[in-house]
Amino acid sequence: MILRFFSILLLAYLLGFMLFAVTLGDPADAEKTDAVVVITGGSGRIEHAVDVLADGHAKRLLIAGTDPAVTKPDLVERLGGKGRLMRCCVDLGSESVDTRSNAEEAKRWLDRRNYKSLRLITSDWHMRRARYEFRRVLGDGYTVLPDAVRSEPGFRVLFGEYNKYLLRRVAVLLEL
């Protein structure tokens, strides 16, 4: 009986992983939001967020989880210009160190600016957990539009992210 239970549990885990791996986040449409929040840590995320802002799909951008040593001139140099856009409409958030604190930092920023909708930008493999954390922290008073940056994650990245996602869901369920 115990062996059957653990076999079913293992099968559910493996099927869940396969579903997770084939249903990564997708890019969003051209819908406008009040703000863009991008989580640092993956290639193409910041560039995509700045492009979304430059295209007029939001009023302002928060780059959450920025290293405190990074400055706007550093980003202007990295992005090959867009200094005016960086000065007027981009905020660097350096208070967060993980996905949960990214959501908490974003909530404080959104509240200060009285924004109610945001485009959440992160890598496709990270979107499910990021969206979960943001919805948990923000609650029903905000509209979150997921906008995943396409990537080619390997097995190790997918497996690690799947386990982080499951562990976070269990921790919330157990109120840890």
N, C-alpha and C. Protein backbone atom coordinates (compact mmCIF):
# COMPACT_ATOMS: atom_id res chain seq x y z
N MET A 1 0.81 -1.19 0.00
CA MET A 1 0.00 0.00 0.00
C MET A 1 0.87 1.27 0.00
N ILE A 2 1.89 1.28 0.85
CA ILE A 2 2.78 2.44 0.93
C ILE A 2 3.55 2.60 -0.38
N LEU A 3 3.98 1.47 -0.95
CA LEU A 3 4.72 1.52 -2.21
C LEU A 3 3.85 2.11 -3.32
N ARG A 4 2.59 1.73 -3.37
CA ARG A 4 1.66 2.28 -4.38
C ARG A 4 1.49 3.79 -4.18
N PHE A 5 1.33 4.20 -2.93
CA PHE A 5 1.16 5.62 -2.64
C PHE A 5 2.37 6.42 -3.14
N PHE A 6 3.57 5.96 -2.81
CA PHE A 6 4.77 6.68 -3.24
C PHE A 6 4.97 6.60 -4.76
N SER A 7 4.54 5.51 -5.36
CA SER A 7 4.61 5.40 -6.83
C SER A 7 3.69 6.41 -7.49
N ILE A 8 2.49 6.55 -6.96
CA ILE A 8 1.53 7.53 -7.49
C ILE A 8 2.05 8.95 -7.27
N LEU A 9 2.63 9.18 -6.10
CA LEU A 9 3.20 10.49 -5.80
C LEU A 9 4.35 10.81 -6.77
N LEU A 10 5.21 9.85 -7.02
CA LEU A 10 6.32 10.04 -7.96
C LEU A 10 5.80 10.28 -9.37
N LEU A 11 4.80 9.53 -9.77
CA LEU A 11 4.21 9.71 -11.09
C LEU A 11 3.60 11.10 -11.23
N ALA A 12 2.88 11.55 -10.20
CA ALA A 12 2.29 12.89 -10.23
C ALA A 12 3.39 13.95 -10.31
N TYR A 13 4.48 13.75 -9.57
CA TYR A 13 5.61 14.69 -9.60
C TYR A 13 6.21 14.76 -11.01
N LEU A 14 6.44 13.62 -11.61
CA LEU A 14 7.04 13.58 -12.95
C LEU A 14 6.11 14.17 -14.01
N LEU A 15 4.82 13.85 -13.92
CA LEU A 15 3.87 14.44 -14.86
C LEU A 15 3.78 15.96 -14.67
N GLY A 16 3.83 16.39 -13.42
CA GLY A 16 3.83 17.82 -13.14
C GLY A 16 5.05 18.50 -13.73
N PHE A 17 6.20 17.86 -13.62
CA PHE A 17 7.43 18.43 -14.20
C PHE A 17 7.32 18.52 -15.71
N MET A 18 6.79 17.47 -16.34
CA MET A 18 6.65 17.51 -17.80
C MET A 18 5.69 18.63 -18.22
N LEU A 19 4.61 18.78 -17.52
CA LEU A 19 3.66 19.85 -17.81
C LEU A 19 4.32 21.21 -17.61
N PHE A 20 5.05 21.36 -16.53
CA PHE A 20 5.78 22.60 -16.25
C PHE A 20 6.74 22.92 -17.40
N ALA A 21 7.47 21.91 -17.87
CA ALA A 21 8.49 22.12 -18.89
C ALA A 21 7.92 22.50 -20.26
N VAL A 22 6.72 22.03 -20.56
CA VAL A 22 6.16 22.32 -21.89
C VAL A 22 5.19 23.49 -21.89
N THR A 23 4.91 24.05 -20.72
CA THR A 23 3.98 25.19 -20.65
C THR A 23 4.67 26.39 -20.02
N LEU A 24 5.82 26.74 -20.53
CA LEU A 24 6.54 27.91 -20.03
C LEU A 24 5.76 29.17 -20.39
N GLY A 25 6.06 30.26 -19.70
CA GLY A 25 5.38 31.53 -19.95
C GLY A 25 5.56 32.02 -21.38
N ASP A 26 4.61 32.81 -21.84
CA ASP A 26 4.63 33.37 -23.19
C ASP A 26 4.77 34.88 -23.13
N PRO A 27 5.26 35.47 -24.23
CA PRO A 27 5.27 36.94 -24.31
C PRO A 27 3.84 37.47 -24.29
N ALA A 28 3.68 38.67 -23.77
CA ALA A 28 2.35 39.29 -23.69
C ALA A 28 2.04 40.03 -24.98
N ASP A 29 0.77 40.36 -25.14
CA ASP A 29 0.37 41.16 -26.29
C ASP A 29 0.70 42.63 -26.03
N ALA A 30 0.20 43.50 -26.84
CA ALA A 30 0.54 44.92 -26.77
C ALA A 30 -0.34 45.69 -25.79
N GLU A 31 -1.03 45.02 -24.91
CA GLU A 31 -1.91 45.68 -23.94
C GLU A 31 -1.11 46.65 -23.07
N LYS A 32 -1.72 47.80 -22.78
CA LYS A 32 -1.06 48.80 -21.95
C LYS A 32 -1.32 48.52 -20.48
N THR A 33 -0.34 48.87 -19.66
CA THR A 33 -0.46 48.79 -18.21
C THR A 33 0.09 50.09 -17.63
N ASP A 34 -0.19 50.31 -16.34
CA ASP A 34 0.36 51.50 -15.69
C ASP A 34 1.87 51.43 -15.63
N ALA A 35 2.40 50.24 -15.33
CA ALA A 35 3.82 50.10 -15.06
C ALA A 35 4.37 48.79 -15.62
N VAL A 36 5.69 48.75 -15.69
CA VAL A 36 6.42 47.53 -16.02
C VAL A 36 7.32 47.22 -14.84
N VAL A 37 7.33 45.97 -14.41
CA VAL A 37 8.27 45.52 -13.40
C VAL A 37 9.06 44.38 -14.01
N VAL A 38 10.37 44.55 -14.04
CA VAL A 38 11.24 43.50 -14.55
C VAL A 38 12.11 42.99 -13.41
N ILE A 39 12.23 41.68 -13.34
CA ILE A 39 13.06 41.04 -12.32
C ILE A 39 14.42 40.76 -12.95
N THR A 40 15.48 41.23 -12.31
CA THR A 40 16.81 41.03 -12.85
C THR A 40 17.23 39.58 -12.72
N GLY A 41 18.24 39.21 -13.48
CA GLY A 41 18.81 37.88 -13.33
C GLY A 41 18.88 37.04 -14.59
N GLY A 42 18.21 37.41 -15.65
CA GLY A 42 18.26 36.61 -16.87
C GLY A 42 18.53 37.49 -18.07
N SER A 43 19.11 36.90 -19.08
CA SER A 43 19.46 37.69 -20.26
C SER A 43 18.21 38.11 -21.03
N GLY A 44 18.25 39.33 -21.52
CA GLY A 44 17.17 39.86 -22.35
C GLY A 44 16.03 40.48 -21.58
N ARG A 45 15.98 40.30 -20.27
CA ARG A 45 14.85 40.81 -19.49
C ARG A 45 14.81 42.34 -19.48
N ILE A 46 15.91 42.96 -19.11
CA ILE A 46 15.93 44.42 -19.01
C ILE A 46 15.75 45.06 -20.38
N GLU A 47 16.40 44.51 -21.37
CA GLU A 47 16.27 45.04 -22.73
C GLU A 47 14.81 45.00 -23.18
N HIS A 48 14.15 43.88 -22.93
CA HIS A 48 12.74 43.76 -23.31
C HIS A 48 11.88 44.77 -22.56
N ALA A 49 12.15 44.94 -21.25
CA ALA A 49 11.37 45.88 -20.44
C ALA A 49 11.53 47.31 -20.94
N VAL A 50 12.74 47.68 -21.29
CA VAL A 50 12.99 49.04 -21.80
C VAL A 50 12.30 49.22 -23.15
N ASP A 51 12.31 48.19 -23.98
CA ASP A 51 11.60 48.27 -25.27
C ASP A 51 10.09 48.45 -25.06
N VAL A 52 9.52 47.73 -24.11
CA VAL A 52 8.09 47.85 -23.80
C VAL A 52 7.78 49.28 -23.37
N LEU A 53 8.63 49.83 -22.52
CA LEU A 53 8.45 51.20 -22.06
C LEU A 53 8.60 52.19 -23.21
N ALA A 54 9.62 52.00 -24.03
CA ALA A 54 9.87 52.89 -25.16
C ALA A 54 8.72 52.86 -26.17
N ASP A 55 8.06 51.71 -26.28
CA ASP A 55 6.94 51.57 -27.21
C ASP A 55 5.64 52.16 -26.66
N GLY A 56 5.69 52.68 -25.43
CA GLY A 56 4.53 53.35 -24.86
C GLY A 56 3.50 52.42 -24.24
N HIS A 57 3.89 51.21 -23.88
CA HIS A 57 2.94 50.26 -23.29
C HIS A 57 2.79 50.43 -21.79
N ALA A 58 3.56 51.36 -21.20
CA ALA A 58 3.47 51.66 -19.76
C ALA A 58 4.06 53.03 -19.50
N LYS A 59 3.73 53.58 -18.32
CA LYS A 59 4.22 54.91 -17.95
C LYS A 59 5.61 54.88 -17.33
N ARG A 60 5.91 53.79 -16.61
CA ARG A 60 7.13 53.77 -15.83
C ARG A 60 7.61 52.33 -15.67
N LEU A 61 8.92 52.19 -15.39
CA LEU A 61 9.56 50.88 -15.26
C LEU A 61 10.31 50.78 -13.95
N LEU A 62 10.10 49.67 -13.24
CA LEU A 62 10.90 49.34 -12.07
C LEU A 62 11.76 48.14 -12.42
N ILE A 63 13.07 48.30 -12.25
CA ILE A 63 13.99 47.18 -12.40
C ILE A 63 14.26 46.68 -10.98
N ALA A 64 13.58 45.61 -10.61
CA ALA A 64 13.63 45.09 -9.24
C ALA A 64 14.81 44.14 -9.07
N GLY A 65 15.47 44.26 -7.92
CA GLY A 65 16.60 43.38 -7.63
C GLY A 65 17.90 43.85 -8.23
N THR A 66 18.01 45.14 -8.49
CA THR A 66 19.23 45.70 -9.08
C THR A 66 20.35 45.71 -8.05
N ASP A 67 21.54 45.35 -8.47
CA ASP A 67 22.71 45.46 -7.60
C ASP A 67 22.87 46.93 -7.22
N PRO A 68 23.08 47.24 -5.94
CA PRO A 68 23.20 48.64 -5.53
C PRO A 68 24.32 49.40 -6.23
N ALA A 69 25.30 48.69 -6.76
CA ALA A 69 26.42 49.35 -7.45
C ALA A 69 26.04 49.79 -8.87
N VAL A 70 24.94 49.28 -9.41
CA VAL A 70 24.52 49.61 -10.77
C VAL A 70 23.82 50.97 -10.77
N THR A 71 24.15 51.79 -11.75
CA THR A 71 23.55 53.12 -11.89
C THR A 71 22.83 53.23 -13.23
N LYS A 72 22.04 54.26 -13.36
CA LYS A 72 21.35 54.49 -14.64
C LYS A 72 22.35 54.72 -15.78
N PRO A 73 23.43 55.49 -15.57
CA PRO A 73 24.42 55.62 -16.66
C PRO A 73 25.01 54.27 -17.08
N ASP A 74 25.18 53.35 -16.14
CA ASP A 74 25.65 52.00 -16.49
C ASP A 74 24.67 51.33 -17.45
N LEU A 75 23.39 51.47 -17.15
CA LEU A 75 22.36 50.85 -18.00
C LEU A 75 22.28 51.53 -19.37
N VAL A 76 22.42 52.85 -19.39
CA VAL A 76 22.40 53.57 -20.67
C VAL A 76 23.53 53.07 -21.54
N GLU A 77 24.70 52.89 -20.96
CA GLU A 77 25.85 52.38 -21.71
C GLU A 77 25.60 50.95 -22.20
N ARG A 78 25.04 50.12 -21.33
CA ARG A 78 24.77 48.72 -21.69
C ARG A 78 23.72 48.61 -22.79
N LEU A 79 22.72 49.48 -22.73
CA LEU A 79 21.61 49.41 -23.68
C LEU A 79 21.87 50.23 -24.94
N GLY A 80 22.99 50.89 -25.00
CA GLY A 80 23.32 51.65 -26.20
C GLY A 80 22.46 52.88 -26.39
N GLY A 81 22.31 53.67 -25.34
CA GLY A 81 21.54 54.90 -25.45
C GLY A 81 20.31 54.87 -24.57
N LYS A 82 19.28 55.56 -25.00
CA LYS A 82 18.01 55.66 -24.27
C LYS A 82 18.17 56.38 -22.92
N GLY A 83 19.12 57.31 -22.88
CA GLY A 83 19.37 58.05 -21.65
C GLY A 83 18.18 58.86 -21.19
N ARG A 84 17.48 59.51 -22.12
CA ARG A 84 16.33 60.32 -21.76
C ARG A 84 15.24 59.45 -21.13
N LEU A 85 15.00 58.30 -21.71
CA LEU A 85 14.00 57.37 -21.18
C LEU A 85 14.41 56.88 -19.78
N MET A 86 15.69 56.60 -19.60
CA MET A 86 16.18 56.14 -18.30
C MET A 86 16.00 57.22 -17.23
N ARG A 87 16.29 58.46 -17.60
CA ARG A 87 16.19 59.55 -16.62
C ARG A 87 14.74 59.82 -16.22
N CYS A 88 13.84 59.77 -17.18
CA CYS A 88 12.45 60.16 -16.88
C CYS A 88 11.60 59.05 -16.31
N CYS A 89 11.85 57.82 -16.70
CA CYS A 89 10.80 56.82 -16.50
C CYS A 89 11.27 55.49 -15.92
N VAL A 90 12.52 55.39 -15.48
CA VAL A 90 13.05 54.12 -14.98
C VAL A 90 13.51 54.29 -13.54
N ASP A 91 13.09 53.37 -12.69
CA ASP A 91 13.54 53.35 -11.29
C ASP A 91 14.30 52.06 -11.04
N LEU A 92 15.40 52.17 -10.31
CA LEU A 92 16.20 51.01 -9.95
C LEU A 92 15.86 50.61 -8.52
N GLY A 93 15.40 49.40 -8.35
CA GLY A 93 15.08 48.89 -7.01
C GLY A 93 16.16 47.95 -6.54
N SER A 94 16.79 48.26 -5.44
CA SER A 94 17.87 47.41 -4.94
C SER A 94 17.56 46.82 -3.57
N GLU A 95 16.29 46.81 -3.19
CA GLU A 95 15.90 46.29 -1.88
C GLU A 95 15.69 44.78 -1.89
N SER A 96 15.47 44.18 -3.05
CA SER A 96 15.08 42.77 -3.10
C SER A 96 16.25 41.86 -3.48
N VAL A 97 16.16 40.63 -2.97
CA VAL A 97 17.21 39.65 -3.21
C VAL A 97 16.68 38.32 -3.76
N ASP A 98 15.36 38.16 -3.79
CA ASP A 98 14.76 36.94 -4.31
C ASP A 98 13.39 37.28 -4.89
N THR A 99 12.72 36.29 -5.42
CA THR A 99 11.45 36.54 -6.11
C THR A 99 10.39 37.09 -5.17
N ARG A 100 10.32 36.56 -3.96
CA ARG A 100 9.32 37.05 -3.01
C ARG A 100 9.59 38.52 -2.65
N SER A 101 10.85 38.86 -2.39
CA SER A 101 11.14 40.26 -2.04
C SER A 101 11.04 41.16 -3.26
N ASN A 102 11.19 40.63 -4.48
CA ASN A 102 10.92 41.41 -5.69
C ASN A 102 9.46 41.86 -5.69
N ALA A 103 8.57 40.95 -5.35
CA ALA A 103 7.14 41.26 -5.32
C ALA A 103 6.83 42.29 -4.23
N GLU A 104 7.46 42.15 -3.07
CA GLU A 104 7.24 43.10 -1.97
C GLU A 104 7.76 44.48 -2.34
N GLU A 105 8.94 44.53 -2.95
CA GLU A 105 9.50 45.81 -3.40
C GLU A 105 8.60 46.45 -4.45
N ALA A 106 8.13 45.65 -5.38
CA ALA A 106 7.24 46.16 -6.43
C ALA A 106 5.94 46.70 -5.84
N LYS A 107 5.40 46.03 -4.85
CA LYS A 107 4.15 46.50 -4.23
C LYS A 107 4.35 47.88 -3.59
N ARG A 108 5.44 48.06 -2.87
CA ARG A 108 5.70 49.37 -2.26
C ARG A 108 5.83 50.44 -3.34
N TRP A 109 6.52 50.12 -4.43
CA TRP A 109 6.72 51.05 -5.54
C TRP A 109 5.38 51.37 -6.22
N LEU A 110 4.58 50.35 -6.47
CA LEU A 110 3.27 50.55 -7.09
C LEU A 110 2.36 51.40 -6.21
N ASP A 111 2.38 51.14 -4.92
CA ASP A 111 1.55 51.90 -3.98
C ASP A 111 1.96 53.37 -3.94
N ARG A 112 3.27 53.63 -3.92
CA ARG A 112 3.75 55.02 -3.90
C ARG A 112 3.28 55.79 -5.13
N ARG A 113 3.20 55.11 -6.25
CA ARG A 113 2.83 55.76 -7.51
C ARG A 113 1.34 55.62 -7.83
N ASN A 114 0.62 54.89 -6.99
CA ASN A 114 -0.81 54.67 -7.17
C ASN A 114 -1.12 53.96 -8.49
N TYR A 115 -0.29 53.00 -8.86
CA TYR A 115 -0.51 52.20 -10.07
C TYR A 115 -1.30 50.95 -9.68
N LYS A 116 -2.16 50.51 -10.58
CA LYS A 116 -2.99 49.33 -10.31
C LYS A 116 -2.80 48.20 -11.31
N SER A 117 -2.01 48.43 -12.35
CA SER A 117 -1.76 47.36 -13.32
C SER A 117 -0.27 47.35 -13.67
N LEU A 118 0.26 46.16 -13.86
CA LEU A 118 1.67 46.04 -14.22
C LEU A 118 1.89 44.90 -15.18
N ARG A 119 2.91 45.09 -15.98
CA ARG A 119 3.41 44.04 -16.87
C ARG A 119 4.62 43.45 -16.17
N LEU A 120 4.54 42.18 -15.82
CA LEU A 120 5.63 41.50 -15.12
C LEU A 120 6.52 40.82 -16.15
N ILE A 121 7.80 41.21 -16.17
CA ILE A 121 8.74 40.64 -17.14
C ILE A 121 9.80 39.84 -16.41
N THR A 122 9.94 38.61 -16.84
CA THR A 122 11.00 37.72 -16.37
C THR A 122 11.17 36.64 -17.44
N SER A 123 12.10 35.72 -17.22
CA SER A 123 12.32 34.64 -18.18
C SER A 123 11.13 33.68 -18.18
N ASP A 124 10.93 33.00 -19.31
CA ASP A 124 9.80 32.07 -19.43
C ASP A 124 9.81 30.99 -18.36
N TRP A 125 10.98 30.45 -18.04
CA TRP A 125 11.06 29.38 -17.05
C TRP A 125 10.81 29.89 -15.62
N HIS A 126 10.95 31.16 -15.39
CA HIS A 126 10.78 31.76 -14.06
C HIS A 126 9.38 32.36 -13.86
N MET A 127 8.62 32.49 -14.94
CA MET A 127 7.36 33.23 -14.89
C MET A 127 6.34 32.61 -13.94
N ARG A 128 6.21 31.31 -13.91
CA ARG A 128 5.15 30.71 -13.09
C ARG A 128 5.36 31.05 -11.61
N ARG A 129 6.56 30.90 -11.11
CA ARG A 129 6.82 31.20 -9.70
C ARG A 129 6.74 32.71 -9.44
N ALA A 130 7.26 33.51 -10.37
CA ALA A 130 7.20 34.98 -10.20
C ALA A 130 5.75 35.45 -10.17
N ARG A 131 4.95 34.96 -11.08
CA ARG A 131 3.53 35.34 -11.11
C ARG A 131 2.83 34.91 -9.83
N TYR A 132 3.15 33.73 -9.35
CA TYR A 132 2.56 33.24 -8.10
C TYR A 132 2.92 34.17 -6.95
N GLU A 133 4.19 34.54 -6.82
CA GLU A 133 4.62 35.43 -5.73
C GLU A 133 3.98 36.81 -5.85
N PHE A 134 3.94 37.35 -7.07
CA PHE A 134 3.37 38.68 -7.26
C PHE A 134 1.88 38.68 -6.94
N ARG A 135 1.17 37.68 -7.37
CA ARG A 135 -0.27 37.63 -7.07
C ARG A 135 -0.52 37.45 -5.59
N ARG A 136 0.31 36.68 -4.92
CA ARG A 136 0.18 36.51 -3.47
C ARG A 136 0.41 37.82 -2.73
N VAL A 137 1.46 38.54 -3.11
CA VAL A 137 1.81 39.78 -2.42
C VAL A 137 0.86 40.92 -2.80
N LEU A 138 0.52 41.03 -4.07
CA LEU A 138 -0.30 42.15 -4.53
C LEU A 138 -1.78 41.98 -4.22
N GLY A 139 -2.25 40.78 -4.22
CA GLY A 139 -3.67 40.55 -3.97
C GLY A 139 -4.52 40.90 -5.18
N ASP A 140 -5.81 41.07 -4.94
CA ASP A 140 -6.77 41.29 -6.02
C ASP A 140 -6.84 42.73 -6.50
N GLY A 141 -6.21 43.64 -5.81
CA GLY A 141 -6.30 45.05 -6.17
C GLY A 141 -5.44 45.46 -7.36
N TYR A 142 -4.72 44.52 -7.94
CA TYR A 142 -3.80 44.81 -9.04
C TYR A 142 -4.03 43.84 -10.19
N THR A 143 -3.81 44.34 -11.39
CA THR A 143 -3.83 43.48 -12.57
C THR A 143 -2.39 43.18 -12.94
N VAL A 144 -2.06 41.90 -13.06
CA VAL A 144 -0.70 41.48 -13.42
C VAL A 144 -0.76 40.84 -14.80
N LEU A 145 -0.04 41.43 -15.75
CA LEU A 145 0.05 40.90 -17.10
C LEU A 145 1.41 40.23 -17.26
N PRO A 146 1.47 38.90 -17.28
CA PRO A 146 2.77 38.23 -17.42
C PRO A 146 3.31 38.41 -18.84
N ASP A 147 4.59 38.72 -18.94
CA ASP A 147 5.26 38.92 -20.22
C ASP A 147 6.61 38.23 -20.15
N ALA A 148 6.64 36.98 -20.59
CA ALA A 148 7.85 36.16 -20.46
C ALA A 148 8.82 36.39 -21.61
N VAL A 149 10.09 36.46 -21.25
CA VAL A 149 11.15 36.56 -22.24
C VAL A 149 11.54 35.14 -22.61
N ARG A 150 11.46 34.83 -23.87
CA ARG A 150 11.78 33.48 -24.34
C ARG A 150 13.25 33.16 -24.10
N SER A 151 13.48 31.92 -23.70
CA SER A 151 14.85 31.45 -23.49
C SER A 151 14.91 29.98 -23.89
N GLU A 152 16.06 29.44 -23.76
CA GLU A 152 16.26 28.01 -24.05
C GLU A 152 16.82 27.34 -22.80
N PRO A 153 15.99 27.19 -21.76
CA PRO A 153 16.52 26.64 -20.51
C PRO A 153 16.87 25.16 -20.65
N GLY A 154 17.94 24.78 -19.99
CA GLY A 154 18.34 23.38 -19.97
C GLY A 154 17.58 22.62 -18.90
N PHE A 155 17.81 21.33 -18.85
CA PHE A 155 17.13 20.46 -17.89
C PHE A 155 17.39 20.92 -16.47
N ARG A 156 18.62 21.25 -16.15
CA ARG A 156 18.98 21.63 -14.79
C ARG A 156 18.22 22.88 -14.34
N VAL A 157 18.11 23.88 -15.22
CA VAL A 157 17.37 25.10 -14.88
C VAL A 157 15.90 24.79 -14.67
N LEU A 158 15.30 24.03 -15.59
CA LEU A 158 13.89 23.68 -15.47
C LEU A 158 13.61 22.86 -14.22
N PHE A 159 14.46 21.88 -13.96
CA PHE A 159 14.27 21.01 -12.80
C PHE A 159 14.40 21.81 -11.51
N GLY A 160 15.40 22.66 -11.44
CA GLY A 160 15.59 23.49 -10.26
C GLY A 160 14.42 24.43 -10.04
N GLU A 161 13.95 25.07 -11.10
CA GLU A 161 12.84 26.02 -10.98
C GLU A 161 11.55 25.31 -10.61
N TYR A 162 11.32 24.13 -11.17
CA TYR A 162 10.12 23.36 -10.83
C TYR A 162 10.11 23.03 -9.33
N ASN A 163 11.25 22.62 -8.82
CA ASN A 163 11.33 22.28 -7.40
C ASN A 163 11.17 23.51 -6.52
N LYS A 164 11.73 24.64 -6.91
CA LYS A 164 11.54 25.88 -6.16
C LYS A 164 10.06 26.26 -6.14
N TYR A 165 9.41 26.13 -7.28
CA TYR A 165 7.99 26.46 -7.37
C TYR A 165 7.17 25.56 -6.45
N LEU A 166 7.42 24.26 -6.51
CA LEU A 166 6.68 23.32 -5.66
C LEU A 166 6.94 23.60 -4.18
N LEU A 167 8.20 23.80 -3.83
CA LEU A 167 8.54 24.06 -2.43
C LEU A 167 7.90 25.35 -1.93
N ARG A 168 7.84 26.35 -2.77
CA ARG A 168 7.21 27.61 -2.36
C ARG A 168 5.71 27.42 -2.14
N ARG A 169 5.07 26.67 -3.04
CA ARG A 169 3.64 26.40 -2.87
C ARG A 169 3.37 25.64 -1.58
N VAL A 170 4.21 24.65 -1.28
CA VAL A 170 4.05 23.87 -0.05
C VAL A 170 4.30 24.75 1.17
N ALA A 171 5.32 25.60 1.11
CA ALA A 171 5.62 26.50 2.25
C ALA A 171 4.44 27.44 2.52
N VAL A 172 3.83 27.95 1.48
CA VAL A 172 2.67 28.83 1.66
C VAL A 172 1.51 28.04 2.23
N LEU A 173 1.30 26.84 1.71
CA LEU A 173 0.23 25.99 2.20
C LEU A 173 0.40 25.66 3.69
N LEU A 174 1.63 25.44 4.11
CA LEU A 174 1.92 25.11 5.51
C LEU A 174 2.16 26.37 6.35
N GLU A 175 2.04 27.53 5.72
CA GLU A 175 2.24 28.83 6.38
C GLU A 175 3.62 28.95 7.01
N LEU A 176 4.64 28.54 6.27
CA LEU A 176 6.03 28.65 6.75
C LEU A 176 6.66 29.94 6.27
